[in-house]
């Protein structure tokens, strides 16, 4: 049996980390915010901290609010987007990412800065008007505990900013902690997916998500590259048809993330299977009769959490199949401070 890497140990610790987040009381100041008082709402982060805000972006836009979700690197190139009447919500697991630190040095001070971070002593935390802690604990390499906790914190903040209580969400998620721990102790068999992948002469891995599930596709592709050194691409909705479709076929595995009902992904699954692509749906229902890695069907956030568990398991198997230690960095570090 393989010795567990630090990344794999972090994955197994996720139920405990989630419990810490759920037991954490969000700052009372969040209840006092009126989103209508801001001329714009800007959501910023890097990598998975950015992608985790996709569901928040969608929900706030659906309410008719002026929302920009933009990665901190691009925002650094366009700092004038931030005004004195802006609500700036920055997520950074370390609170010390190079782009975030530089951004805080040069921007116009927004009316309110919400900081979501795991390090309460970080530069981001110290600059915040409202500090939300991730409570994910120490993490060795690739984001695992911190990503799930970021998702949960984002949905909890969203509930409060929408004038709702976050306790019903907390209670629902708490009921899934034991099932998640059991899932991690005895994960579904992912190895056949990886075995087929490495049998190809030019294997390709694509992850496509729609709606809130785009967060899983984008983060999934990112952590696959980090943890397994397998090149994976992430796409949102119909993006894949605009060029990347030409790379599909018998050499490709495509993971589709969603609830199984979206016509865009149903048609895409049909077309991909027709040209020989291995299509795997990750969600409560399969797209167009494809293979299915099932998730619960009772809540959007719960679906996203379980879908990421599948991705994490896949990254471990791909890493070992690629002759790598899962999650071990070759060229980077846990915190990217270089611009």
C-alpha atoms as a PDB file:
ATOM      1  CA  UNK A   1       0.000   0.000   0.000  1.00  0.00           C
ATOM      2  CA  UNK A   2       1.298   3.485  -0.900  1.00  0.00           C
ATOM      3  CA  UNK A   3       2.348   5.839   1.887  1.00  0.00           C
ATOM      4  CA  UNK A   4      -0.060   8.760   2.076  1.00  0.00           C
ATOM      5  CA  UNK A   5       1.307  12.058   0.826  1.00  0.00           C
ATOM      6  CA  UNK A   6       0.737  15.291   2.752  1.00  0.00           C
ATOM      7  CA  UNK A   7      -1.923  16.218   0.177  1.00  0.00           C
ATOM      8  CA  UNK A   8      -3.804  12.970   0.758  1.00  0.00           C
ATOM      9  CA  UNK A   9      -3.700  13.556   4.503  1.00  0.00           C
ATOM     10  CA  UNK A  10      -5.183  17.023   3.962  1.00  0.00           C
ATOM     11  CA  UNK A  11      -7.980  15.472   1.898  1.00  0.00           C
ATOM     12  CA  UNK A  12      -8.835  13.084   4.740  1.00  0.00           C
ATOM     13  CA  UNK A  13      -8.927  15.977   7.212  1.00  0.00           C
ATOM     14  CA  UNK A  14     -11.628  17.830   5.290  1.00  0.00           C
ATOM     15  CA  UNK A  15     -14.600  16.773   7.464  1.00  0.00           C
ATOM     16  CA  UNK A  16     -12.846  18.166  10.546  1.00  0.00           C
ATOM     17  CA  UNK A  17     -11.961  21.368   8.710  1.00  0.00           C
ATOM     18  CA  UNK A  18     -15.544  21.764   7.526  1.00  0.00           C
ATOM     19  CA  UNK A  19     -16.736  21.291  11.097  1.00  0.00           C
ATOM     20  CA  UNK A  20     -14.454  24.110  12.233  1.00  0.00           C
ATOM     21  CA  UNK A  21     -15.932  26.405   9.588  1.00  0.00           C
ATOM     22  CA  UNK A  22     -19.504  25.466  10.467  1.00  0.00           C
ATOM     23  CA  UNK A  23     -18.852  26.072  14.177  1.00  0.00           C
ATOM     24  CA  UNK A  24     -17.435  29.516  13.415  1.00  0.00           C
ATOM     25  CA  UNK A  25     -19.790  32.465  13.857  1.00  0.00           C
ATOM     26  CA  UNK A  26     -19.593  34.940  10.999  1.00  0.00           C
ATOM     27  CA  UNK A  27     -18.913  38.593  11.900  1.00  0.00           C
ATOM     28  CA  UNK A  28     -22.001  40.487  13.032  1.00  0.00           C
ATOM     29  CA  UNK A  29     -21.030  43.402  10.768  1.00  0.00           C
ATOM     30  CA  UNK A  30     -22.118  41.383   7.735  1.00  0.00           C
ATOM     31  CA  UNK A  31     -25.730  41.711   8.861  1.00  0.00           C
ATOM     32  CA  UNK A  32     -25.457  45.507   8.707  1.00  0.00           C
ATOM     33  CA  UNK A  33     -24.409  45.704   5.063  1.00  0.00           C
ATOM     34  CA  UNK A  34     -26.914  47.000   2.524  1.00  0.00           C
ATOM     35  CA  UNK A  35     -25.766  45.943  -0.931  1.00  0.00           C
ATOM     36  CA  UNK A  36     -27.856  48.694  -2.520  1.00  0.00           C
ATOM     37  CA  UNK A  37     -25.574  51.365  -1.035  1.00  0.00           C
ATOM     38  CA  UNK A  38     -22.615  50.354  -3.204  1.00  0.00           C
ATOM     39  CA  UNK A  39     -22.054  51.520  -6.760  1.00  0.00           C
ATOM     40  CA  UNK A  40     -20.533  48.125  -7.545  1.00  0.00           C
ATOM     41  CA  UNK A  41     -19.579  44.840  -5.937  1.00  0.00           C
ATOM     42  CA  UNK A  42     -16.191  43.418  -6.875  1.00  0.00           C
ATOM     43  CA  UNK A  43     -15.261  39.809  -6.133  1.00  0.00           C
ATOM     44  CA  UNK A  44     -11.554  39.059  -6.386  1.00  0.00           C
ATOM     45  CA  UNK A  45      -9.088  36.253  -5.730  1.00  0.00           C
ATOM     46  CA  UNK A  46      -6.525  34.111  -7.489  1.00  0.00           C
ATOM     47  CA  UNK A  47      -6.935  30.548  -8.729  1.00  0.00           C
ATOM     48  CA  UNK A  48      -9.400  28.507  -6.713  1.00  0.00           C
ATOM     49  CA  UNK A  49     -10.090  31.513  -4.459  1.00  0.00           C
ATOM     50  CA  UNK A  50     -11.417  33.262  -7.560  1.00  0.00           C
ATOM     51  CA  UNK A  51     -13.341  30.286  -8.918  1.00  0.00           C
ATOM     52  CA  UNK A  52     -15.054  29.633  -5.578  1.00  0.00           C
ATOM     53  CA  UNK A  53     -16.809  32.983  -6.012  1.00  0.00           C
ATOM     54  CA  UNK A  54     -18.559  31.961  -9.254  1.00  0.00           C
ATOM     55  CA  UNK A  55     -21.742  30.877  -7.394  1.00  0.00           C
ATOM     56  CA  UNK A  56     -21.755  34.174  -5.478  1.00  0.00           C
ATOM     57  CA  UNK A  57     -21.342  36.137  -8.700  1.00  0.00           C
ATOM     58  CA  UNK A  58     -24.303  34.347 -10.285  1.00  0.00           C
ATOM     59  CA  UNK A  59     -26.547  34.801  -7.259  1.00  0.00           C
ATOM     60  CA  UNK A  60     -25.858  38.515  -6.869  1.00  0.00           C
ATOM     61  CA  UNK A  61     -26.286  39.213 -10.582  1.00  0.00           C
ATOM     62  CA  UNK A  62     -29.618  37.372 -10.467  1.00  0.00           C
ATOM     63  CA  UNK A  63     -30.701  39.961  -7.898  1.00  0.00           C
ATOM     64  CA  UNK A  64     -29.924  42.751 -10.345  1.00  0.00           C
ATOM     65  CA  UNK A  65     -26.799  43.959  -8.552  1.00  0.00           C
ATOM     66  CA  UNK A  66     -23.753  45.413 -10.381  1.00  0.00           C
ATOM     67  CA  UNK A  67     -21.191  42.659  -9.858  1.00  0.00           C
ATOM     68  CA  UNK A  68     -17.717  42.067 -11.254  1.00  0.00           C
ATOM     69  CA  UNK A  69     -15.846  38.833 -10.521  1.00  0.00           C
ATOM     70  CA  UNK A  70     -12.290  39.359 -11.638  1.00  0.00           C
ATOM     71  CA  UNK A  71      -9.075  37.621 -10.676  1.00  0.00           C
ATOM     72  CA  UNK A  72      -6.753  39.764  -8.602  1.00  0.00           C
ATOM     73  CA  UNK A  73      -4.099  39.736 -11.317  1.00  0.00           C
ATOM     74  CA  UNK A  74      -6.439  41.345 -13.848  1.00  0.00           C
ATOM     75  CA  UNK A  75      -7.750  43.716 -11.204  1.00  0.00           C
ATOM     76  CA  UNK A  76      -4.160  44.759 -10.555  1.00  0.00           C
ATOM     77  CA  UNK A  77      -4.022  45.737 -14.238  1.00  0.00           C
ATOM     78  CA  UNK A  78      -7.329  47.660 -13.959  1.00  0.00           C
ATOM     79  CA  UNK A  79      -7.367  49.065 -10.407  1.00  0.00           C
ATOM     80  CA  UNK A  80      -9.624  51.959 -11.394  1.00  0.00           C
ATOM     81  CA  UNK A  81     -12.512  49.502 -11.382  1.00  0.00           C
ATOM     82  CA  UNK A  82     -12.491  49.942  -7.602  1.00  0.00           C
ATOM     83  CA  UNK A  83     -14.130  53.168  -6.436  1.00  0.00           C
ATOM     84  CA  UNK A  84     -14.675  54.816  -3.077  1.00  0.00           C
ATOM     85  CA  UNK A  85     -18.250  53.484  -3.130  1.00  0.00           C
ATOM     86  CA  UNK A  86     -17.354  49.873  -3.949  1.00  0.00           C
ATOM     87  CA  UNK A  87     -17.816  46.734  -1.915  1.00  0.00           C
ATOM     88  CA  UNK A  88     -14.617  44.764  -2.446  1.00  0.00           C
ATOM     89  CA  UNK A  89     -14.761  41.102  -1.427  1.00  0.00           C
ATOM     90  CA  UNK A  90     -11.307  39.530  -1.610  1.00  0.00           C
ATOM     91  CA  UNK A  91     -10.673  35.856  -0.981  1.00  0.00           C
ATOM     92  CA  UNK A  92      -7.142  34.566  -0.436  1.00  0.00           C
ATOM     93  CA  UNK A  93      -6.514  31.409   1.523  1.00  0.00           C
ATOM     94  CA  UNK A  94      -3.110  32.695   2.637  1.00  0.00           C
ATOM     95  CA  UNK A  95      -3.981  36.386   2.650  1.00  0.00           C
ATOM     96  CA  UNK A  96      -0.482  36.920   1.255  1.00  0.00           C
ATOM     97  CA  UNK A  97      -0.780  36.166  -2.479  1.00  0.00           C
ATOM     98  CA  UNK A  98       1.474  38.496  -4.441  1.00  0.00           C
ATOM     99  CA  UNK A  99      -1.321  40.005  -6.517  1.00  0.00           C
ATOM    100  CA  UNK A 100      -3.559  40.578  -3.504  1.00  0.00           C
ATOM    101  CA  UNK A 101      -0.820  42.265  -1.466  1.00  0.00           C
ATOM    102  CA  UNK A 102       0.145  44.530  -4.375  1.00  0.00           C
ATOM    103  CA  UNK A 103      -3.487  45.339  -5.097  1.00  0.00           C
ATOM    104  CA  UNK A 104      -4.096  46.492  -1.541  1.00  0.00           C
ATOM    105  CA  UNK A 105      -1.122  48.837  -1.869  1.00  0.00           C
ATOM    106  CA  UNK A 106      -2.357  50.701  -4.944  1.00  0.00           C
ATOM    107  CA  UNK A 107      -6.153  50.775  -4.960  1.00  0.00           C
ATOM    108  CA  UNK A 108      -8.591  53.464  -3.964  1.00  0.00           C
ATOM    109  CA  UNK A 109      -9.878  52.543  -0.537  1.00  0.00           C
ATOM    110  CA  UNK A 110     -13.311  50.941  -1.097  1.00  0.00           C
ATOM    111  CA  UNK A 111     -16.252  51.742   1.127  1.00  0.00           C
ATOM    112  CA  UNK A 112     -16.072  48.212   2.532  1.00  0.00           C
ATOM    113  CA  UNK A 113     -13.439  45.488   2.229  1.00  0.00           C
ATOM    114  CA  UNK A 114     -14.554  41.972   3.099  1.00  0.00           C
ATOM    115  CA  UNK A 115     -11.570  39.659   3.484  1.00  0.00           C
ATOM    116  CA  UNK A 116     -11.922  35.880   3.493  1.00  0.00           C
ATOM    117  CA  UNK A 117      -8.707  34.167   4.546  1.00  0.00           C
ATOM    118  CA  UNK A 118      -7.224  31.402   6.635  1.00  0.00           C
ATOM    119  CA  UNK A 119      -4.495  33.589   8.161  1.00  0.00           C
ATOM    120  CA  UNK A 120      -5.800  36.221  10.566  1.00  0.00           C
ATOM    121  CA  UNK A 121      -2.317  37.767  10.761  1.00  0.00           C
ATOM    122  CA  UNK A 122      -1.968  38.203   6.997  1.00  0.00           C
ATOM    123  CA  UNK A 123      -1.802  41.538   5.206  1.00  0.00           C
ATOM    124  CA  UNK A 124      -5.275  40.976   3.761  1.00  0.00           C
ATOM    125  CA  UNK A 125      -6.753  40.250   7.182  1.00  0.00           C
ATOM    126  CA  UNK A 126      -5.192  43.348   8.715  1.00  0.00           C
ATOM    127  CA  UNK A 127      -6.570  45.590   5.965  1.00  0.00           C
ATOM    128  CA  UNK A 128     -10.108  44.222   6.168  1.00  0.00           C
ATOM    129  CA  UNK A 129     -13.152  46.108   7.376  1.00  0.00           C
ATOM    130  CA  UNK A 130     -14.834  42.749   7.872  1.00  0.00           C
ATOM    131  CA  UNK A 131     -12.700  39.638   8.348  1.00  0.00           C
ATOM    132  CA  UNK A 132     -14.152  36.192   7.672  1.00  0.00           C
ATOM    133  CA  UNK A 133     -11.973  33.298   8.780  1.00  0.00           C
ATOM    134  CA  UNK A 134     -11.775  30.074   6.786  1.00  0.00           C
ATOM    135  CA  UNK A 135     -10.764  27.974   9.795  1.00  0.00           C
ATOM    136  CA  UNK A 136      -9.344  25.262   7.503  1.00  0.00           C
ATOM    137  CA  UNK A 137      -6.160  24.730   9.505  1.00  0.00           C
ATOM    138  CA  UNK A 138      -2.663  24.167   8.178  1.00  0.00           C
ATOM    139  CA  UNK A 139      -2.417  22.819   4.646  1.00  0.00           C
ATOM    140  CA  UNK A 140       0.690  21.280   3.145  1.00  0.00           C
ATOM    141  CA  UNK A 141       0.394  21.784  -0.597  1.00  0.00           C
ATOM    142  CA  UNK A 142      -2.516  21.863  -3.058  1.00  0.00           C
ATOM    143  CA  UNK A 143      -5.768  23.442  -1.872  1.00  0.00           C
ATOM    144  CA  UNK A 144      -8.104  20.809  -0.471  1.00  0.00           C
ATOM    145  CA  UNK A 145      -9.403  21.719   2.990  1.00  0.00           C
ATOM    146  CA  UNK A 146      -9.087  25.405   2.217  1.00  0.00           C
ATOM    147  CA  UNK A 147     -11.086  25.165  -1.022  1.00  0.00           C
ATOM    148  CA  UNK A 148     -14.046  23.367   0.526  1.00  0.00           C
ATOM    149  CA  UNK A 149     -14.033  25.796   3.442  1.00  0.00           C
ATOM    150  CA  UNK A 150     -13.850  28.714   1.008  1.00  0.00           C
ATOM    151  CA  UNK A 151     -16.955  27.446  -0.776  1.00  0.00           C
ATOM    152  CA  UNK A 152     -18.830  27.044   2.493  1.00  0.00           C
ATOM    153  CA  UNK A 153     -17.774  30.456   3.794  1.00  0.00           C
ATOM    154  CA  UNK A 154     -18.809  32.069   0.496  1.00  0.00           C
ATOM    155  CA  UNK A 155     -22.285  30.538   0.595  1.00  0.00           C
ATOM    156  CA  UNK A 156     -22.706  31.517   4.255  1.00  0.00           C
ATOM    157  CA  UNK A 157     -21.707  35.125   3.545  1.00  0.00           C
ATOM    158  CA  UNK A 158     -24.020  35.170   0.534  1.00  0.00           C
ATOM    159  CA  UNK A 159     -26.940  34.033   2.674  1.00  0.00           C
ATOM    160  CA  UNK A 160     -26.412  36.861   5.148  1.00  0.00           C
ATOM    161  CA  UNK A 161     -25.882  39.506   2.463  1.00  0.00           C
ATOM    162  CA  UNK A 162     -29.138  38.298   0.906  1.00  0.00           C
ATOM    163  CA  UNK A 163     -30.993  39.027   4.140  1.00  0.00           C
ATOM    164  CA  UNK A 164     -31.239  35.395   5.192  1.00  0.00           C
ATOM    165  CA  UNK A 165     -29.903  33.408   8.115  1.00  0.00           C
ATOM    166  CA  UNK A 166     -26.979  31.091   7.454  1.00  0.00           C
ATOM    167  CA  UNK A 167     -28.013  28.607  10.156  1.00  0.00           C
ATOM    168  CA  UNK A 168     -30.227  26.460   7.879  1.00  0.00           C
ATOM    169  CA  UNK A 169     -27.269  26.052   5.515  1.00  0.00           C
ATOM    170  CA  UNK A 170     -24.960  25.262   8.427  1.00  0.00           C
ATOM    171  CA  UNK A 171     -27.382  22.623   9.712  1.00  0.00           C
ATOM    172  CA  UNK A 172     -27.730  21.002   6.288  1.00  0.00           C
ATOM    173  CA  UNK A 173     -23.982  20.818   5.798  1.00  0.00           C
ATOM    174  CA  UNK A 174     -23.438  19.502   9.314  1.00  0.00           C
ATOM    175  CA  UNK A 175     -25.695  16.569   8.461  1.00  0.00           C
ATOM    176  CA  UNK A 176     -23.297  15.653   5.639  1.00  0.00           C
ATOM    177  CA  UNK A 177     -20.085  15.619   7.687  1.00  0.00           C
ATOM    178  CA  UNK A 178     -20.344  11.960   8.676  1.00  0.00           C
ATOM    179  CA  UNK A 179     -21.303  10.821   5.143  1.00  0.00           C
ATOM    180  CA  UNK A 180     -18.375  12.818   3.734  1.00  0.00           C
ATOM    181  CA  UNK A 181     -15.991  11.205   6.229  1.00  0.00           C
ATOM    182  CA  UNK A 182     -17.311   7.768   5.269  1.00  0.00           C
ATOM    183  CA  UNK A 183     -17.010   8.641   1.576  1.00  0.00           C
ATOM    184  CA  UNK A 184     -13.366   9.614   2.076  1.00  0.00           C
ATOM    185  CA  UNK A 185     -12.631   6.480   4.094  1.00  0.00           C
ATOM    186  CA  UNK A 186     -14.050   4.290   1.321  1.00  0.00           C
ATOM    187  CA  UNK A 187     -14.047   6.405  -1.859  1.00  0.00           C
ATOM    188  CA  UNK A 188     -15.766   5.196  -5.024  1.00  0.00           C
ATOM    189  CA  UNK A 189     -13.488   3.471  -7.495  1.00  0.00           C
ATOM    190  CA  UNK A 190     -11.819   6.133  -9.643  1.00  0.00           C
ATOM    191  CA  UNK A 191      -8.870   4.053 -10.845  1.00  0.00           C
ATOM    192  CA  UNK A 192     -10.559   2.741 -14.040  1.00  0.00           C
ATOM    193  CA  UNK A 193     -10.868   6.328 -15.266  1.00  0.00           C
ATOM    194  CA  UNK A 194      -7.146   6.910 -14.819  1.00  0.00           C
ATOM    195  CA  UNK A 195      -6.184   3.502 -16.200  1.00  0.00           C
ATOM    196  CA  UNK A 196      -7.982   4.242 -19.450  1.00  0.00           C
ATOM    197  CA  UNK A 197      -6.452   7.711 -19.549  1.00  0.00           C
ATOM    198  CA  UNK A 198      -2.874   6.454 -19.479  1.00  0.00           C
ATOM    199  CA  UNK A 199      -3.520   3.784 -22.128  1.00  0.00           C
ATOM    200  CA  UNK A 200      -3.853   6.515 -24.758  1.00  0.00           C
ATOM    201  CA  UNK A 201      -0.950   7.745 -26.835  1.00  0.00           C
ATOM    202  CA  UNK A 202      -1.863  11.434 -26.428  1.00  0.00           C
ATOM    203  CA  UNK A 203      -4.227  11.577 -23.437  1.00  0.00           C
ATOM    204  CA  UNK A 204      -6.235  14.753 -22.852  1.00  0.00           C
ATOM    205  CA  UNK A 205      -8.330  15.724 -19.843  1.00  0.00           C
ATOM    206  CA  UNK A 206     -11.050  18.346 -19.960  1.00  0.00           C
ATOM    207  CA  UNK A 207     -13.433  19.551 -17.254  1.00  0.00           C
ATOM    208  CA  UNK A 208     -16.559  21.473 -18.208  1.00  0.00           C
ATOM    209  CA  UNK A 209     -19.041  22.974 -15.775  1.00  0.00           C
ATOM    210  CA  UNK A 210     -22.124  25.111 -16.088  1.00  0.00           C
ATOM    211  CA  UNK A 211     -23.760  27.485 -13.630  1.00  0.00           C
ATOM    212  CA  UNK A 212     -22.371  27.202 -10.120  1.00  0.00           C
ATOM    213  CA  UNK A 213     -20.660  23.959 -11.135  1.00  0.00           C
ATOM    214  CA  UNK A 214     -18.251  25.970 -13.265  1.00  0.00           C
ATOM    215  CA  UNK A 215     -16.368  26.508 -10.001  1.00  0.00           C
ATOM    216  CA  UNK A 216     -15.673  22.774  -9.834  1.00  0.00           C
ATOM    217  CA  UNK A 217     -14.533  22.525 -13.444  1.00  0.00           C
ATOM    218  CA  UNK A 218     -12.135  25.444 -13.192  1.00  0.00           C
ATOM    219  CA  UNK A 219     -10.734  24.509  -9.787  1.00  0.00           C
ATOM    220  CA  UNK A 220     -10.608  20.850 -10.782  1.00  0.00           C
ATOM    221  CA  UNK A 221      -8.459  21.540 -13.829  1.00  0.00           C
ATOM    222  CA  UNK A 222      -6.184  23.752 -11.745  1.00  0.00           C
ATOM    223  CA  UNK A 223      -5.553  21.275  -8.937  1.00  0.00           C
ATOM    224  CA  UNK A 224      -5.140  18.400 -11.411  1.00  0.00           C
ATOM    225  CA  UNK A 225      -2.192  20.219 -12.933  1.00  0.00           C
ATOM    226  CA  UNK A 226      -0.790  21.075  -9.504  1.00  0.00           C
ATOM    227  CA  UNK A 227      -1.216  17.712  -7.832  1.00  0.00           C
ATOM    228  CA  UNK A 228      -0.681  15.174 -10.633  1.00  0.00           C
ATOM    229  CA  UNK A 229       1.343  17.093 -13.259  1.00  0.00           C
ATOM    230  CA  UNK A 230      -1.278  16.051 -15.820  1.00  0.00           C
ATOM    231  CA  UNK A 231      -2.348  18.873 -18.105  1.00  0.00           C
ATOM    232  CA  UNK A 232      -6.079  19.494 -17.742  1.00  0.00           C
ATOM    233  CA  UNK A 233      -8.233  22.292 -19.119  1.00  0.00           C
ATOM    234  CA  UNK A 234     -11.291  23.810 -17.491  1.00  0.00           C
ATOM    235  CA  UNK A 235     -14.185  25.419 -19.358  1.00  0.00           C
ATOM    236  CA  UNK A 236     -17.430  27.178 -18.472  1.00  0.00           C
ATOM    237  CA  UNK A 237     -20.659  26.312 -20.275  1.00  0.00           C
ATOM    238  CA  UNK A 238     -20.458  26.539 -24.048  1.00  0.00           C
ATOM    239  CA  UNK A 239     -16.820  27.705 -24.183  1.00  0.00           C
ATOM    240  CA  UNK A 240     -15.631  24.253 -25.166  1.00  0.00           C
ATOM    241  CA  UNK A 241     -17.409  24.382 -28.534  1.00  0.00           C
ATOM    242  CA  UNK A 242     -15.513  27.503 -29.566  1.00  0.00           C
ATOM    243  CA  UNK A 243     -12.287  25.855 -30.692  1.00  0.00           C
ATOM    244  CA  UNK A 244     -11.413  23.251 -28.041  1.00  0.00           C
ATOM    245  CA  UNK A 245     -14.042  20.897 -29.487  1.00  0.00           C
ATOM    246  CA  UNK A 246     -11.514  20.212 -32.253  1.00  0.00           C
ATOM    247  CA  UNK A 247      -9.229  18.503 -29.720  1.00  0.00           C
ATOM    248  CA  UNK A 248     -11.878  15.995 -28.617  1.00  0.00           C
ATOM    249  CA  UNK A 249     -12.146  12.382 -29.711  1.00  0.00           C
ATOM    250  CA  UNK A 250     -10.781   9.031 -28.628  1.00  0.00           C
ATOM    251  CA  UNK A 251      -7.765  10.578 -26.882  1.00  0.00           C
ATOM    252  CA  UNK A 252      -9.911  12.677 -24.532  1.00  0.00           C
ATOM    253  CA  UNK A 253     -11.686  12.198 -21.221  1.00  0.00           C
ATOM    254  CA  UNK A 254     -14.250  14.924 -20.522  1.00  0.00           C
ATOM    255  CA  UNK A 255     -15.775  15.421 -17.076  1.00  0.00           C
ATOM    256  CA  UNK A 256     -19.079  17.331 -17.128  1.00  0.00           C
ATOM    257  CA  UNK A 257     -20.224  19.025 -13.912  1.00  0.00           C
ATOM    258  CA  UNK A 258     -23.832  20.041 -13.293  1.00  0.00           C
ATOM    259  CA  UNK A 259     -27.213  18.777 -12.161  1.00  0.00           C
ATOM    260  CA  UNK A 260     -27.770  16.819 -15.377  1.00  0.00           C
ATOM    261  CA  UNK A 261     -30.571  18.971 -16.755  1.00  0.00           C
ATOM    262  CA  UNK A 262     -28.847  21.725 -18.755  1.00  0.00           C
ATOM    263  CA  UNK A 263     -29.521  21.429 -22.518  1.00  0.00           C
ATOM    264  CA  UNK A 264     -26.056  22.815 -23.342  1.00  0.00           C
ATOM    265  CA  UNK A 265     -24.245  19.969 -21.597  1.00  0.00           C
ATOM    266  CA  UNK A 266     -26.763  17.344 -22.701  1.00  0.00           C
ATOM    267  CA  UNK A 267     -26.087  18.197 -26.336  1.00  0.00           C
ATOM    268  CA  UNK A 268     -22.352  18.426 -25.701  1.00  0.00           C
ATOM    269  CA  UNK A 269     -22.326  15.000 -24.055  1.00  0.00           C
ATOM    270  CA  UNK A 270     -24.140  13.527 -27.052  1.00  0.00           C
ATOM    271  CA  UNK A 271     -21.726  15.077 -29.534  1.00  0.00           C
ATOM    272  CA  UNK A 272     -18.628  14.103 -27.570  1.00  0.00           C
ATOM    273  CA  UNK A 273     -19.717  10.503 -27.148  1.00  0.00           C
ATOM    274  CA  UNK A 274     -20.476  10.352 -30.839  1.00  0.00           C
ATOM    275  CA  UNK A 275     -16.877  11.258 -31.726  1.00  0.00           C
ATOM    276  CA  UNK A 276     -15.346   8.758 -29.305  1.00  0.00           C
ATOM    277  CA  UNK A 277     -14.626  10.997 -26.308  1.00  0.00           C
ATOM    278  CA  UNK A 278     -14.961   9.336 -22.917  1.00  0.00           C
ATOM    279  CA  UNK A 279     -17.632  11.403 -21.151  1.00  0.00           C
ATOM    280  CA  UNK A 280     -18.124  11.221 -17.397  1.00  0.00           C
ATOM    281  CA  UNK A 281     -20.871  13.181 -15.653  1.00  0.00           C
ATOM    282  CA  UNK A 282     -20.274  14.310 -12.077  1.00  0.00           C
ATOM    283  CA  UNK A 283     -23.555  15.181 -10.418  1.00  0.00           C
ATOM    284  CA  UNK A 284     -26.897  13.678  -9.437  1.00  0.00           C
ATOM    285  CA  UNK A 285     -27.846  12.696 -13.008  1.00  0.00           C
ATOM    286  CA  UNK A 286     -25.856  11.693 -16.083  1.00  0.00           C
ATOM    287  CA  UNK A 287     -25.760  13.777 -19.226  1.00  0.00           C
ATOM    288  CA  UNK A 288     -27.002  11.876 -22.283  1.00  0.00           C
ATOM    289  CA  UNK A 289     -26.456   8.419 -20.820  1.00  0.00           C
ATOM    290  CA  UNK A 290     -22.777   8.974 -20.060  1.00  0.00           C
ATOM    291  CA  UNK A 291     -20.871   7.369 -17.195  1.00  0.00           C
ATOM    292  CA  UNK A 292     -21.903   8.832 -13.836  1.00  0.00           C
ATOM    293  CA  UNK A 293     -20.040   9.700 -10.656  1.00  0.00           C
ATOM    294  CA  UNK A 294     -23.102  10.393  -8.486  1.00  0.00           C
ATOM    295  CA  UNK A 295     -23.512  13.218  -5.989  1.00  0.00           C
ATOM    296  CA  UNK A 296     -26.436  14.047  -3.681  1.00  0.00           C
ATOM    297  CA  UNK A 297     -29.320  15.921  -5.270  1.00  0.00           C
ATOM    298  CA  UNK A 298     -30.615  17.883  -2.284  1.00  0.00           C
ATOM    299  CA  UNK A 299     -28.603  21.112  -2.443  1.00  0.00           C
ATOM    300  CA  UNK A 300     -26.357  23.048  -4.837  1.00  0.00           C
ATOM    301  CA  UNK A 301     -23.487  23.520  -2.391  1.00  0.00           C
ATOM    302  CA  UNK A 302     -23.613  19.894  -1.256  1.00  0.00           C
ATOM    303  CA  UNK A 303     -23.329  18.859  -4.911  1.00  0.00           C
ATOM    304  CA  UNK A 304     -20.269  21.067  -5.363  1.00  0.00           C
ATOM    305  CA  UNK A 305     -18.582  19.627  -2.279  1.00  0.00           C
ATOM    306  CA  UNK A 306     -19.047  16.007  -3.337  1.00  0.00           C
ATOM    307  CA  UNK A 307     -18.023  16.767  -6.926  1.00  0.00           C
ATOM    308  CA  UNK A 308     -14.746  18.192  -5.648  1.00  0.00           C
ATOM    309  CA  UNK A 309     -14.172  15.045  -3.587  1.00  0.00           C
ATOM    310  CA  UNK A 310     -14.306  13.046  -6.825  1.00  0.00           C
ATOM    311  CA  UNK A 311     -11.849  15.425  -8.472  1.00  0.00           C
ATOM    312  CA  UNK A 312      -9.470  15.155  -5.543  1.00  0.00           C
ATOM    313  CA  UNK A 313      -9.522  11.369  -5.695  1.00  0.00           C
ATOM    314  CA  UNK A 314      -8.917  11.515  -9.435  1.00  0.00           C
ATOM    315  CA  UNK A 315      -5.908  13.792  -8.961  1.00  0.00           C
ATOM    316  CA  UNK A 316      -4.364  11.300  -6.540  1.00  0.00           C
ATOM    317  CA  UNK A 317      -4.823   8.370  -8.911  1.00  0.00           C
ATOM    318  CA  UNK A 318      -3.544  10.391 -11.875  1.00  0.00           C
ATOM    319  CA  UNK A 319      -0.482  11.465  -9.912  1.00  0.00           C
ATOM    320  CA  UNK A 320       0.427   7.893  -9.021  1.00  0.00           C
ATOM    321  CA  UNK A 321      -0.221   6.761 -12.586  1.00  0.00           C
ATOM    322  CA  UNK A 322       2.066   9.557 -13.733  1.00  0.00           C
ATOM    323  CA  UNK A 323       4.832   8.451 -11.384  1.00  0.00           C
ATOM    324  CA  UNK A 324       4.398  11.474  -9.101  1.00  0.00           C
ATOM    325  CA  UNK A 325       3.834  11.990  -5.389  1.00  0.00           C
ATOM    326  CA  UNK A 326       0.268  13.366  -5.177  1.00  0.00           C
ATOM    327  CA  UNK A 327       0.295  17.069  -4.415  1.00  0.00           C
ATOM    328  CA  UNK A 328       4.063  17.479  -4.275  1.00  0.00           C
ATOM    329  CA  UNK A 329       5.226  20.767  -5.773  1.00  0.00           C
ATOM    330  CA  UNK A 330       8.126  20.619  -8.233  1.00  0.00           C
ATOM    331  CA  UNK A 331       8.495  24.304  -9.094  1.00  0.00           C
ATOM    332  CA  UNK A 332       6.042  26.291  -6.998  1.00  0.00           C
ATOM    333  CA  UNK A 333       5.166  26.811  -3.360  1.00  0.00           C
ATOM    334  CA  UNK A 334       2.002  26.739  -1.271  1.00  0.00           C
ATOM    335  CA  UNK A 335       1.789  30.540  -1.274  1.00  0.00           C
ATOM    336  CA  UNK A 336       2.532  32.305  -4.560  1.00  0.00           C
ATOM    337  CA  UNK A 337       4.054  35.659  -3.652  1.00  0.00           C
ATOM    338  CA  UNK A 338       5.903  36.334  -6.919  1.00  0.00           C
ATOM    339  CA  UNK A 339       4.111  38.577  -9.405  1.00  0.00           C
END
